[in-house]
C-alpha atoms as a PDB file:
ATOM      1  CA  MET A   1      -0.982  89.094 -58.173  1.00  0.00           C
ATOM      2  CA  SER A   2      -1.321  85.465 -57.211  1.00  0.00           C
ATOM      3  CA  ILE A   3      -1.525  84.490 -53.550  1.00  0.00           C
ATOM      4  CA  ALA A   4       0.673  81.737 -52.123  1.00  0.00           C
ATOM      5  CA  ILE A   5       1.317  80.332 -48.679  1.00  0.00           C
ATOM      6  CA  PRO A   6       4.579  81.864 -47.385  1.00  0.00           C
ATOM      7  CA  SER A   7       7.598  79.648 -46.888  1.00  0.00           C
ATOM      8  CA  ILE A   8      10.624  80.238 -44.655  1.00  0.00           C
ATOM      9  CA  ASP A   9      13.631  78.347 -43.350  1.00  0.00           C
ATOM     10  CA  VAL A  10      12.783  77.891 -39.684  1.00  0.00           C
ATOM     11  CA  ASP A  11      16.367  77.189 -38.626  1.00  0.00           C
ATOM     12  CA  SER A  12      17.718  80.483 -39.973  1.00  0.00           C
ATOM     13  CA  GLN A  13      14.633  82.726 -40.231  1.00  0.00           C
ATOM     14  CA  ALA A  14      12.616  82.012 -37.074  1.00  0.00           C
ATOM     15  CA  ALA A  15      12.178  85.726 -36.363  1.00  0.00           C
ATOM     16  CA  LYS A  16      10.197  86.033 -39.604  1.00  0.00           C
ATOM     17  CA  ILE A  17       7.543  83.528 -38.505  1.00  0.00           C
ATOM     18  CA  PRO A  18       5.057  86.063 -37.028  1.00  0.00           C
ATOM     19  CA  ASP A  19       4.942  88.316 -40.093  1.00  0.00           C
ATOM     20  CA  ALA A  20       4.882  85.343 -42.473  1.00  0.00           C
ATOM     21  CA  ILE A  21       1.933  83.644 -40.777  1.00  0.00           C
ATOM     22  CA  ALA A  22      -0.108  86.728 -39.855  1.00  0.00           C
ATOM     23  CA  ASP A  23      -2.022  87.210 -43.123  1.00  0.00           C
ATOM     24  CA  LEU A  24      -3.164  83.698 -44.076  1.00  0.00           C
ATOM     25  CA  GLY A  25      -2.710  81.895 -40.766  1.00  0.00           C
ATOM     26  CA  PHE A  26      -0.672  79.262 -42.628  1.00  0.00           C
ATOM     27  CA  LEU A  27       3.070  78.950 -43.240  1.00  0.00           C
ATOM     28  CA  PHE A  28       5.472  76.385 -44.680  1.00  0.00           C
ATOM     29  CA  LEU A  29       8.523  75.682 -42.526  1.00  0.00           C
ATOM     30  CA  LYS A  30      11.242  74.473 -44.873  1.00  0.00           C
ATOM     31  CA  SER A  31      13.685  71.732 -43.930  1.00  0.00           C
ATOM     32  CA  PRO A  32      13.389  71.891 -40.133  1.00  0.00           C
ATOM     33  CA  SER A  33      16.132  70.035 -38.279  1.00  0.00           C
ATOM     34  CA  VAL A  34      13.432  68.221 -36.290  1.00  0.00           C
ATOM     35  CA  PRO A  35      11.458  66.158 -36.976  1.00  0.00           C
ATOM     36  CA  SER A  36      14.031  64.638 -39.336  1.00  0.00           C
ATOM     37  CA  PRO A  37      13.048  63.479 -42.837  1.00  0.00           C
ATOM     38  CA  GLU A  38      13.798  59.926 -41.712  1.00  0.00           C
ATOM     39  CA  SER A  39      11.436  60.103 -38.738  1.00  0.00           C
ATOM     40  CA  ILE A  40       8.689  61.623 -40.887  1.00  0.00           C
ATOM     41  CA  ALA A  41       9.064  58.852 -43.460  1.00  0.00           C
ATOM     42  CA  ARG A  42       8.975  56.266 -40.676  1.00  0.00           C
ATOM     43  CA  MET A  43       5.755  57.742 -39.296  1.00  0.00           C
ATOM     44  CA  PHE A  44       4.069  57.449 -42.679  1.00  0.00           C
ATOM     45  CA  GLU A  45       5.144  53.793 -42.849  1.00  0.00           C
ATOM     46  CA  ILE A  46       3.573  53.226 -39.417  1.00  0.00           C
ATOM     47  CA  ALA A  47       0.387  55.012 -40.473  1.00  0.00           C
ATOM     48  CA  GLU A  48       0.051  52.953 -43.642  1.00  0.00           C
ATOM     49  CA  GLU A  49       0.566  49.730 -41.722  1.00  0.00           C
ATOM     50  CA  PHE A  50      -2.229  50.667 -39.312  1.00  0.00           C
ATOM     51  CA  PHE A  51      -4.791  51.943 -41.795  1.00  0.00           C
ATOM     52  CA  LEU A  52      -4.211  49.385 -44.545  1.00  0.00           C
ATOM     53  CA  HIS A  53      -3.305  46.222 -42.635  1.00  0.00           C
ATOM     54  CA  GLU A  54      -4.660  46.404 -39.085  1.00  0.00           C
ATOM     55  CA  HIS A  55      -7.693  44.152 -38.715  1.00  0.00           C
ATOM     56  CA  ILE A  56     -11.021  45.919 -38.259  1.00  0.00           C
ATOM     57  CA  ASP A  57     -11.569  44.055 -34.983  1.00  0.00           C
ATOM     58  CA  GLU A  58      -8.368  45.521 -33.551  1.00  0.00           C
ATOM     59  CA  LYS A  59      -9.350  49.003 -34.697  1.00  0.00           C
ATOM     60  CA  SER A  60     -12.775  48.656 -33.118  1.00  0.00           C
ATOM     61  CA  LYS A  61     -11.246  47.740 -29.758  1.00  0.00           C
ATOM     62  CA  VAL A  62      -9.624  51.180 -29.622  1.00  0.00           C
ATOM     63  CA  GLY A  63     -12.519  53.256 -30.953  1.00  0.00           C
ATOM     64  CA  TYR A  64     -12.715  56.991 -30.339  1.00  0.00           C
ATOM     65  CA  THR A  65     -13.565  58.047 -26.779  1.00  0.00           C
ATOM     66  CA  ILE A  66     -14.588  61.253 -25.040  1.00  0.00           C
ATOM     67  CA  GLY A  67     -10.912  61.691 -24.158  1.00  0.00           C
ATOM     68  CA  ASN A  68     -10.318  62.609 -27.838  1.00  0.00           C
ATOM     69  CA  VAL A  69      -8.218  59.499 -28.424  1.00  0.00           C
ATOM     70  CA  GLY A  70      -8.558  56.362 -30.513  1.00  0.00           C
ATOM     71  CA  TRP A  71      -9.724  55.270 -33.936  1.00  0.00           C
ATOM     72  CA  ILE A  72     -12.205  57.374 -35.906  1.00  0.00           C
ATOM     73  CA  ARG A  73     -13.974  55.472 -38.657  1.00  0.00           C
ATOM     74  CA  VAL A  74     -15.054  56.839 -42.035  1.00  0.00           C
ATOM     75  CA  ARG A  75     -17.850  59.422 -41.681  1.00  0.00           C
ATOM     76  CA  GLN A  76     -17.742  59.405 -37.880  1.00  0.00           C
ATOM     77  CA  GLU A  77     -16.296  62.903 -37.799  1.00  0.00           C
ATOM     78  CA  LYS A  78     -18.394  65.779 -39.157  1.00  0.00           C
ATOM     79  CA  LEU A  79     -16.241  68.872 -39.311  1.00  0.00           C
ATOM     80  CA  ASP A  80     -18.872  70.751 -41.319  1.00  0.00           C
ATOM     81  CA  SER A  81     -22.135  69.063 -40.381  1.00  0.00           C
ATOM     82  CA  GLU A  82     -24.337  71.749 -41.957  1.00  0.00           C
ATOM     83  CA  GLU A  83     -22.877  71.423 -45.448  1.00  0.00           C
ATOM     84  CA  HIS A  84     -21.819  67.779 -45.222  1.00  0.00           C
ATOM     85  CA  PRO A  85     -24.119  65.972 -42.790  1.00  0.00           C
ATOM     86  CA  ALA A  86     -23.036  62.523 -44.029  1.00  0.00           C
ATOM     87  CA  GLY A  87     -19.621  63.067 -42.479  1.00  0.00           C
ATOM     88  CA  ASP A  88     -16.016  63.148 -43.657  1.00  0.00           C
ATOM     89  CA  ILE A  89     -14.620  60.440 -45.929  1.00  0.00           C
ATOM     90  CA  LYS A  90     -11.548  59.672 -43.851  1.00  0.00           C
ATOM     91  CA  GLU A  91     -10.181  57.551 -41.051  1.00  0.00           C
ATOM     92  CA  ALA A  92      -8.013  58.850 -38.232  1.00  0.00           C
ATOM     93  CA  PHE A  93      -6.254  57.720 -35.091  1.00  0.00           C
ATOM     94  CA  ASN A  94      -5.660  60.152 -32.215  1.00  0.00           C
ATOM     95  CA  MET A  95      -2.869  59.696 -29.685  1.00  0.00           C
ATOM     96  CA  ARG A  96      -2.346  61.731 -26.534  1.00  0.00           C
ATOM     97  CA  PRO A  97       1.223  62.503 -25.358  1.00  0.00           C
ATOM     98  CA  PHE A  98       3.349  59.551 -24.291  1.00  0.00           C
ATOM     99  CA  ASP A  99       4.958  59.319 -20.838  1.00  0.00           C
ATOM    100  CA  SER A 100       8.625  59.960 -20.061  1.00  0.00           C
ATOM    101  CA  ASN A 101       9.427  56.315 -20.817  1.00  0.00           C
ATOM    102  CA  ASP A 102       7.826  56.502 -24.289  1.00  0.00           C
ATOM    103  CA  LYS A 103       4.845  54.457 -23.152  1.00  0.00           C
ATOM    104  CA  ALA A 104       1.370  55.147 -24.501  1.00  0.00           C
ATOM    105  CA  GLN A 105      -1.217  56.637 -22.125  1.00  0.00           C
ATOM    106  CA  GLN A 106      -4.103  54.935 -23.930  1.00  0.00           C
ATOM    107  CA  PRO A 107      -4.891  51.559 -25.517  1.00  0.00           C
ATOM    108  CA  LEU A 108      -3.126  51.051 -28.847  1.00  0.00           C
ATOM    109  CA  PRO A 109      -3.699  48.419 -31.553  1.00  0.00           C
ATOM    110  CA  PRO A 110      -0.846  45.965 -32.190  1.00  0.00           C
ATOM    111  CA  SER A 111       0.629  47.784 -35.189  1.00  0.00           C
ATOM    112  CA  LEU A 112       1.003  51.024 -33.208  1.00  0.00           C
ATOM    113  CA  LEU A 113       1.939  49.411 -29.900  1.00  0.00           C
ATOM    114  CA  ARG A 114       5.013  47.743 -31.336  1.00  0.00           C
ATOM    115  CA  ASN A 115       6.116  51.091 -32.788  1.00  0.00           C
ATOM    116  CA  GLN A 116       5.331  53.279 -29.792  1.00  0.00           C
ATOM    117  CA  GLN A 117       8.959  54.301 -29.216  1.00  0.00           C
ATOM    118  CA  ASP A 118       9.245  55.688 -32.766  1.00  0.00           C
ATOM    119  CA  ILE A 119       5.887  57.425 -32.408  1.00  0.00           C
ATOM    120  CA  ALA A 120       6.834  58.953 -29.057  1.00  0.00           C
ATOM    121  CA  SER A 121      10.135  60.220 -30.439  1.00  0.00           C
ATOM    122  CA  PHE A 122       8.349  61.816 -33.394  1.00  0.00           C
ATOM    123  CA  ALA A 123       5.810  63.494 -31.090  1.00  0.00           C
ATOM    124  CA  ARG A 124       8.634  64.961 -28.978  1.00  0.00           C
ATOM    125  CA  SER A 125      10.211  66.400 -32.105  1.00  0.00           C
ATOM    126  CA  CYS A 126       6.899  67.964 -33.091  1.00  0.00           C
ATOM    127  CA  HIS A 127       6.594  69.538 -29.654  1.00  0.00           C
ATOM    128  CA  GLY A 128      10.088  70.974 -29.970  1.00  0.00           C
ATOM    129  CA  LEU A 129       9.310  72.532 -33.334  1.00  0.00           C
ATOM    130  CA  CYS A 130       6.103  74.026 -31.952  1.00  0.00           C
ATOM    131  CA  MET A 131       8.056  75.651 -29.121  1.00  0.00           C
ATOM    132  CA  ARG A 132      10.202  77.491 -31.635  1.00  0.00           C
ATOM    133  CA  VAL A 133       7.100  78.855 -33.334  1.00  0.00           C
ATOM    134  CA  LEU A 134       5.504  79.879 -30.022  1.00  0.00           C
ATOM    135  CA  GLU A 135       8.619  81.698 -28.869  1.00  0.00           C
ATOM    136  CA  ALA A 136       8.698  83.724 -32.088  1.00  0.00           C
ATOM    137  CA  LEU A 137       5.018  84.623 -31.679  1.00  0.00           C
ATOM    138  CA  ALA A 138       5.553  85.737 -28.073  1.00  0.00           C
ATOM    139  CA  LEU A 139       8.499  87.962 -28.914  1.00  0.00           C
ATOM    140  CA  SER A 140       6.538  89.636 -31.718  1.00  0.00           C
ATOM    141  CA  LEU A 141       3.855  90.576 -29.156  1.00  0.00           C
ATOM    142  CA  ASN A 142       6.429  92.090 -26.775  1.00  0.00           C
ATOM    143  CA  LEU A 143       5.806  89.284 -24.305  1.00  0.00           C
ATOM    144  CA  VAL A 144       8.509  87.379 -22.447  1.00  0.00           C
ATOM    145  CA  ASN A 145       9.907  84.731 -24.752  1.00  0.00           C
ATOM    146  CA  ASP A 146       8.520  81.836 -22.683  1.00  0.00           C
ATOM    147  CA  PHE A 147       5.013  83.272 -22.268  1.00  0.00           C
ATOM    148  CA  PHE A 148       3.482  80.634 -24.545  1.00  0.00           C
ATOM    149  CA  THR A 149       6.063  77.864 -24.213  1.00  0.00           C
ATOM    150  CA  SER A 150       5.753  77.772 -20.415  1.00  0.00           C
ATOM    151  CA  ARG A 151       2.025  77.150 -20.837  1.00  0.00           C
ATOM    152  CA  HIS A 152       2.594  74.247 -23.251  1.00  0.00           C
ATOM    153  CA  SER A 153       4.612  71.807 -21.177  1.00  0.00           C
ATOM    154  CA  SER A 154       5.885  68.401 -22.197  1.00  0.00           C
ATOM    155  CA  ASP A 155       5.098  66.709 -18.879  1.00  0.00           C
ATOM    156  CA  ARG A 156       1.746  67.983 -17.584  1.00  0.00           C
ATOM    157  CA  PRO A 157      -1.848  66.987 -18.476  1.00  0.00           C
ATOM    158  CA  ARG A 158      -2.830  68.582 -21.766  1.00  0.00           C
ATOM    159  CA  GLY A 159      -5.046  68.042 -24.770  1.00  0.00           C
ATOM    160  CA  THR A 160      -2.270  67.915 -27.363  1.00  0.00           C
ATOM    161  CA  ILE A 161      -2.934  65.199 -29.945  1.00  0.00           C
ATOM    162  CA  LEU A 162      -0.855  63.430 -32.590  1.00  0.00           C
ATOM    163  CA  ARG A 163      -3.255  62.354 -35.324  1.00  0.00           C
ATOM    164  CA  LEU A 164      -2.684  59.890 -38.163  1.00  0.00           C
ATOM    165  CA  LEU A 165      -5.020  60.477 -41.124  1.00  0.00           C
ATOM    166  CA  TYR A 166      -6.077  58.302 -44.045  1.00  0.00           C
ATOM    167  CA  TYR A 167      -8.366  59.296 -46.903  1.00  0.00           C
ATOM    168  CA  PRO A 168      -9.276  56.110 -48.783  1.00  0.00           C
ATOM    169  CA  PRO A 169      -9.318  55.914 -52.591  1.00  0.00           C
ATOM    170  CA  THR A 170     -12.587  57.096 -54.080  1.00  0.00           C
ATOM    171  CA  ASP A 171     -14.362  57.300 -57.427  1.00  0.00           C
ATOM    172  CA  LEU A 172     -16.126  60.473 -56.285  1.00  0.00           C
ATOM    173  CA  ARG A 173     -14.964  63.719 -57.868  1.00  0.00           C
ATOM    174  CA  GLU A 174     -15.058  67.370 -56.873  1.00  0.00           C
ATOM    175  CA  SER A 175     -17.706  69.302 -58.804  1.00  0.00           C
ATOM    176  CA  PRO A 176     -17.890  73.089 -59.316  1.00  0.00           C
ATOM    177  CA  ASN A 177     -21.666  72.853 -58.933  1.00  0.00           C
ATOM    178  CA  LYS A 178     -21.841  71.105 -55.601  1.00  0.00           C
ATOM    179  CA  ALA A 179     -25.194  70.813 -53.876  1.00  0.00           C
ATOM    180  CA  HIS A 180     -25.788  71.015 -50.139  1.00  0.00           C
ATOM    181  CA  GLY A 181     -24.865  67.733 -48.522  1.00  0.00           C
ATOM    182  CA  ASP A 182     -22.345  66.607 -51.133  1.00  0.00           C
ATOM    183  CA  ASP A 183     -19.476  64.402 -50.000  1.00  0.00           C
ATOM    184  CA  ILE A 184     -16.125  65.752 -48.862  1.00  0.00           C
ATOM    185  CA  ARG A 185     -12.912  64.283 -47.487  1.00  0.00           C
ATOM    186  CA  ALA A 186     -12.729  66.785 -44.602  1.00  0.00           C
ATOM    187  CA  GLY A 187     -15.344  69.477 -44.089  1.00  0.00           C
ATOM    188  CA  ALA A 188     -14.466  73.149 -43.742  1.00  0.00           C
ATOM    189  CA  HIS A 189     -13.247  73.979 -40.243  1.00  0.00           C
ATOM    190  CA  SER A 190     -10.628  75.821 -38.262  1.00  0.00           C
ATOM    191  CA  ASP A 191      -8.444  73.979 -35.771  1.00  0.00           C
ATOM    192  CA  TYR A 192      -9.345  74.236 -32.107  1.00  0.00           C
ATOM    193  CA  GLY A 193      -6.038  74.684 -30.294  1.00  0.00           C
ATOM    194  CA  SER A 194      -2.915  76.852 -30.339  1.00  0.00           C
ATOM    195  CA  ILE A 195      -1.077  75.792 -33.493  1.00  0.00           C
ATOM    196  CA  THR A 196      -1.060  72.744 -35.765  1.00  0.00           C
ATOM    197  CA  LEU A 197       1.766  71.040 -37.648  1.00  0.00           C
ATOM    198  CA  LEU A 198       0.729  69.157 -40.781  1.00  0.00           C
ATOM    199  CA  PHE A 199       2.868  66.631 -42.623  1.00  0.00           C
ATOM    200  CA  GLN A 200       1.620  65.707 -46.113  1.00  0.00           C
ATOM    201  CA  LYS A 201       2.656  62.909 -48.425  1.00  0.00           C
ATOM    202  CA  GLU A 202       2.376  63.215 -52.216  1.00  0.00           C
ATOM    203  CA  VAL A 203      -1.396  63.539 -52.626  1.00  0.00           C
ATOM    204  CA  GLY A 204      -2.894  67.004 -52.119  1.00  0.00           C
ATOM    205  CA  GLY A 205      -6.440  68.247 -51.722  1.00  0.00           C
ATOM    206  CA  LEU A 206      -6.070  70.669 -48.813  1.00  0.00           C
ATOM    207  CA  GLN A 207      -7.540  74.134 -49.382  1.00  0.00           C
ATOM    208  CA  ILE A 208      -7.559  77.247 -47.190  1.00  0.00           C
ATOM    209  CA  LEU A 209     -10.220  79.956 -47.285  1.00  0.00           C
ATOM    210  CA  LEU A 210      -8.955  83.346 -48.388  1.00  0.00           C
ATOM    211  CA  PRO A 211     -10.517  86.483 -46.909  1.00  0.00           C
ATOM    212  CA  PRO A 212     -12.747  88.546 -49.246  1.00  0.00           C
ATOM    213  CA  SER A 213     -10.712  90.879 -51.448  1.00  0.00           C
ATOM    214  CA  SER A 214     -11.385  94.474 -52.365  1.00  0.00           C
ATOM    215  CA  LYS A 215     -12.410  93.283 -55.821  1.00  0.00           C
ATOM    216  CA  SER A 216     -14.871  90.663 -54.648  1.00  0.00           C
ATOM    217  CA  ALA A 217     -16.951  90.163 -51.521  1.00  0.00           C
ATOM    218  CA  LYS A 218     -16.906  86.422 -52.165  1.00  0.00           C
ATOM    219  CA  SER A 219     -14.220  84.376 -50.434  1.00  0.00           C
ATOM    220  CA  GLU A 220     -12.176  81.960 -52.519  1.00  0.00           C
ATOM    221  CA  TRP A 221     -10.364  78.736 -51.707  1.00  0.00           C
ATOM    222  CA  LEU A 222      -6.597  78.471 -52.172  1.00  0.00           C
ATOM    223  CA  ASP A 223      -4.978  75.116 -52.892  1.00  0.00           C
ATOM    224  CA  ALA A 224      -2.263  74.245 -50.378  1.00  0.00           C
ATOM    225  CA  PRO A 225       0.398  72.304 -52.283  1.00  0.00           C
ATOM    226  CA  VAL A 226       2.391  69.375 -50.985  1.00  0.00           C
ATOM    227  CA  VAL A 227       5.897  70.808 -50.552  1.00  0.00           C
ATOM    228  CA  LYS A 228       8.791  68.380 -50.271  1.00  0.00           C
ATOM    229  CA  ASP A 229      10.754  68.604 -46.994  1.00  0.00           C
ATOM    230  CA  ALA A 230       8.428  71.245 -45.551  1.00  0.00           C
ATOM    231  CA  VAL A 231       5.998  71.234 -42.631  1.00  0.00           C
ATOM    232  CA  LEU A 232       2.785  73.229 -42.872  1.00  0.00           C
ATOM    233  CA  VAL A 233       1.962  75.140 -39.664  1.00  0.00           C
ATOM    234  CA  ASN A 234      -1.285  76.977 -38.984  1.00  0.00           C
ATOM    235  CA  ILE A 235      -2.869  79.058 -36.239  1.00  0.00           C
ATOM    236  CA  GLY A 236      -5.719  77.522 -34.217  1.00  0.00           C
ATOM    237  CA  ASP A 237      -8.827  79.168 -32.763  1.00  0.00           C
ATOM    238  CA  LEU A 238      -7.467  79.233 -29.228  1.00  0.00           C
ATOM    239  CA  MET A 239      -4.402  81.230 -30.310  1.00  0.00           C
ATOM    240  CA  ASP A 240      -6.633  83.537 -32.362  1.00  0.00           C
ATOM    241  CA  PHE A 241      -8.819  84.219 -29.310  1.00  0.00           C
ATOM    242  CA  TRP A 242      -5.829  84.390 -26.949  1.00  0.00           C
ATOM    243  CA  THR A 243      -4.005  87.042 -29.008  1.00  0.00           C
ATOM    244  CA  GLY A 244      -7.091  89.138 -29.671  1.00  0.00           C
ATOM    245  CA  GLY A 245      -7.029  88.312 -33.365  1.00  0.00           C
ATOM    246  CA  LYS A 246      -3.386  89.306 -33.868  1.00  0.00           C
ATOM    247  CA  PHE A 247      -2.778  85.801 -35.235  1.00  0.00           C
ATOM    248  CA  LYS A 248      -5.891  84.522 -36.972  1.00  0.00           C
ATOM    249  CA  SER A 249      -7.092  80.979 -37.508  1.00  0.00           C
ATOM    250  CA  THR A 250      -8.236  80.156 -41.029  1.00  0.00           C
ATOM    251  CA  MET A 251     -10.934  77.849 -42.324  1.00  0.00           C
ATOM    252  CA  HIS A 252      -9.624  74.920 -44.363  1.00  0.00           C
ATOM    253  CA  ARG A 253     -10.905  71.678 -45.870  1.00  0.00           C
ATOM    254  CA  VAL A 254      -9.849  68.632 -47.896  1.00  0.00           C
ATOM    255  CA  VAL A 255     -11.846  68.390 -51.104  1.00  0.00           C
ATOM    256  CA  LEU A 256     -12.733  65.383 -53.224  1.00  0.00           C
ATOM    257  CA  PRO A 257     -10.258  64.357 -55.926  1.00  0.00           C
ATOM    258  CA  ARG A 258      -9.947  66.467 -59.063  1.00  0.00           C
ATOM    259  CA  SER A 259      -7.491  64.147 -60.805  1.00  0.00           C
ATOM    260  CA  GLU A 260      -6.532  60.488 -60.967  1.00  0.00           C
ATOM    261  CA  LYS A 261      -3.551  61.111 -58.673  1.00  0.00           C
ATOM    262  CA  GLU A 262      -5.750  62.725 -56.029  1.00  0.00           C
ATOM    263  CA  ALA A 263      -8.215  59.826 -56.296  1.00  0.00           C
ATOM    264  CA  GLY A 264      -5.700  57.470 -54.733  1.00  0.00           C
ATOM    265  CA  PRO A 265      -5.106  57.025 -51.003  1.00  0.00           C
ATOM    266  CA  ARG A 266      -4.112  60.189 -49.154  1.00  0.00           C
ATOM    267  CA  PHE A 267      -2.096  60.116 -45.937  1.00  0.00           C
ATOM    268  CA  SER A 268      -1.245  62.981 -43.631  1.00  0.00           C
ATOM    269  CA  ILE A 269      -0.114  63.461 -40.037  1.00  0.00           C
ATOM    270  CA  ALA A 270      -1.204  66.334 -37.808  1.00  0.00           C
ATOM    271  CA  TYR A 271       0.145  67.501 -34.466  1.00  0.00           C
ATOM    272  CA  PHE A 272      -2.467  69.577 -32.641  1.00  0.00           C
ATOM    273  CA  LEU A 273      -0.818  71.608 -29.880  1.00  0.00           C
ATOM    274  CA  GLN A 274      -2.978  72.514 -26.897  1.00  0.00           C
ATOM    275  CA  PRO A 275      -1.971  74.395 -23.705  1.00  0.00           C
ATOM    276  CA  ASP A 276      -1.798  72.559 -20.398  1.00  0.00           C
ATOM    277  CA  ASP A 277      -5.261  71.625 -19.125  1.00  0.00           C
ATOM    278  CA  ASP A 278      -5.339  74.165 -16.301  1.00  0.00           C
ATOM    279  CA  VAL A 279      -4.150  77.204 -18.279  1.00  0.00           C
ATOM    280  CA  LEU A 280      -6.771  79.953 -18.230  1.00  0.00           C
ATOM    281  CA  ILE A 281      -7.480  81.374 -21.682  1.00  0.00           C
ATOM    282  CA  SER A 282      -8.369  85.067 -21.676  1.00  0.00           C
ATOM    283  CA  ARG A 283      -7.812  87.710 -24.324  1.00  0.00           C
ATOM    284  CA  LEU A 284      -4.338  89.214 -23.970  1.00  0.00           C
ATOM    285  CA  THR A 285      -3.829  92.938 -23.545  1.00  0.00           C
ATOM    286  CA  SER A 286      -0.974  94.935 -24.959  1.00  0.00           C
ATOM    287  CA  PRO A 287       1.884  95.285 -22.461  1.00  0.00           C
ATOM    288  CA  THR A 288       2.795  98.651 -24.040  1.00  0.00           C
ATOM    289  CA  SER A 289      -0.670 100.192 -23.795  1.00  0.00           C
ATOM    290  CA  GLU A 290      -1.643 102.505 -20.933  1.00  0.00           C
ATOM    291  CA  THR A 291      -5.308 101.624 -21.488  1.00  0.00           C
ATOM    292  CA  GLU A 292      -4.703  97.856 -21.630  1.00  0.00           C
ATOM    293  CA  THR A 293      -6.419  97.523 -25.003  1.00  0.00           C
ATOM    294  CA  GLU A 294      -6.709  94.115 -26.593  1.00  0.00           C
ATOM    295  CA  MET A 295      -4.120  93.048 -29.101  1.00  0.00           C
ATOM    296  CA  GLY A 296      -5.075  92.778 -32.737  1.00  0.00           C
ATOM    297  CA  ALA A 297      -8.289  93.864 -34.387  1.00  0.00           C
ATOM    298  CA  ASP A 298     -11.286  94.175 -32.093  1.00  0.00           C
ATOM    299  CA  ILE A 299     -14.160  92.245 -33.672  1.00  0.00           C
ATOM    300  CA  GLY A 300     -16.458  93.064 -30.800  1.00  0.00           C
ATOM    301  CA  LYS A 301     -18.187  90.879 -28.235  1.00  0.00           C
ATOM    302  CA  ARG A 302     -20.789  89.624 -30.708  1.00  0.00           C
ATOM    303  CA  GLY A 303     -18.135  88.688 -33.234  1.00  0.00           C
ATOM    304  CA  ILE A 304     -16.183  86.780 -30.615  1.00  0.00           C
ATOM    305  CA  MET A 305     -19.303  84.883 -29.577  1.00  0.00           C
ATOM    306  CA  GLU A 306     -20.100  83.990 -33.204  1.00  0.00           C
ATOM    307  CA  ARG A 307     -16.573  82.810 -33.996  1.00  0.00           C
ATOM    308  CA  PHE A 308     -15.665  80.944 -30.843  1.00  0.00           C
ATOM    309  CA  GLY A 309     -18.846  80.495 -28.822  1.00  0.00           C
ATOM    310  CA  VAL A 310     -17.121  82.185 -25.887  1.00  0.00           C
ATOM    311  CA  ASP A 311     -18.221  85.283 -23.986  1.00  0.00           C
ATOM    312  CA  PRO A 312     -15.052  87.384 -23.609  1.00  0.00           C
ATOM    313  CA  ASP A 313     -16.488  89.057 -20.490  1.00  0.00           C
ATOM    314  CA  ALA A 314     -17.298  85.794 -18.724  1.00  0.00           C
ATOM    315  CA  GLU A 315     -15.024  83.822 -16.418  1.00  0.00           C
ATOM    316  CA  PRO A 316     -12.073  82.554 -18.495  1.00  0.00           C
ATOM    317  CA  LEU A 317     -12.200  78.957 -19.653  1.00  0.00           C
ATOM    318  CA  THR A 318      -9.384  76.571 -18.980  1.00  0.00           C
ATOM    319  CA  SER A 319      -7.658  75.019 -21.957  1.00  0.00           C
ATOM    320  CA  LYS A 320      -9.356  71.711 -21.132  1.00  0.00           C
ATOM    321  CA  GLU A 321     -12.814  73.338 -21.053  1.00  0.00           C
ATOM    322  CA  TRP A 322     -12.169  75.147 -24.335  1.00  0.00           C
ATOM    323  CA  LEU A 323     -11.231  71.927 -26.125  1.00  0.00           C
ATOM    324  CA  ALA A 324     -14.145  69.942 -24.691  1.00  0.00           C
ATOM    325  CA  ARG A 325     -16.654  72.476 -26.004  1.00  0.00           C
ATOM    326  CA  ARG A 326     -15.204  72.395 -29.495  1.00  0.00           C
ATOM    327  CA  LEU A 327     -14.938  68.616 -29.752  1.00  0.00           C
ATOM    328  CA  ALA A 328     -18.517  67.910 -28.692  1.00  0.00           C
ATOM    329  CA  ALA A 329     -19.925  69.335 -31.921  1.00  0.00           C
ATOM    330  CA  SER A 330     -17.659  67.333 -34.262  1.00  0.00           C
ATOM    331  CA  TYR A 331     -18.175  63.744 -33.140  1.00  0.00           C
ATOM    332  CA  GLN A 332     -20.988  61.304 -32.661  1.00  0.00           C
ATOM    333  CA  PHE A 333     -20.993  57.979 -30.831  1.00  0.00           C
ATOM    334  CA  ARG A 334     -18.033  58.772 -28.576  1.00  0.00           C
ATOM    335  CA  LYS A 335     -17.344  56.035 -26.051  1.00  0.00           C
ATOM    336  CA  GLU A 336     -16.500  56.502 -22.406  1.00  0.00           C
ATOM    337  CA  GLU A 337     -12.844  55.776 -21.655  1.00  0.00           C
END
């Protein structure tokens, strides 16, 4: 039987989110009321204007900083530095949450600055959609419905990031016999935070890593299609750790083109949701268990250390500390703010 990423109507089937996302860590949300199709299309127009028409001097003025904001040039990010030490063939621009007046909290280049109200409105819509997902996850764990949402505010310091992504056209092609160090558009990784929303436009290339099956010990990659009027949501490492593995994060990557269509420019937009900076992240226990056992499958202390680089018995990290540890390994040449 073939494996496919589940798809549900978030406006009428929100209660099905936990079961639908539990196996693969990925889920398509069909036709959400927010963000609207019009606002999504507008955001892609803004992204194209920045990546294709903003002068390099303006981009360089807002280069990536240790605050996880700004412009990331081609090959600056190395999501899988062991397999792809040359870096990812993509550009990106990271934006932290806007203030209550829709004003940016970081320097922006001209093409983004003049569109900051549209960008801020889109980011608010993304946050709203994330809250619906978090509430469904909390209820499935027998937690109060605002357990997660109350820890992901819209007005407190937090590491949430709206990211515009551009993969330039390339003559390189994906090969079944790849050698160590071959090029890639985005190296294999799992996301660092709670959940991620991904908006794709026309050109695919995203793959997610399937767990080993009973028939084969070797993991395989599953193509994630571009689905019209659907948002792709996935679980991040922090949520995986937080829920004791009940909701698992999944490795994913963006491969080199395998067709002429994929060889063209690829645009996507990601919304990386992170808890408020001061939220302490410790493994949850089951509220229905007399022995306070951890939720989900117990992979053991060693397994937790290997996956997340965190000692589950140590003092809990704050959300800000968690994110800082994960970002340090992915970037080089980060500027001070």
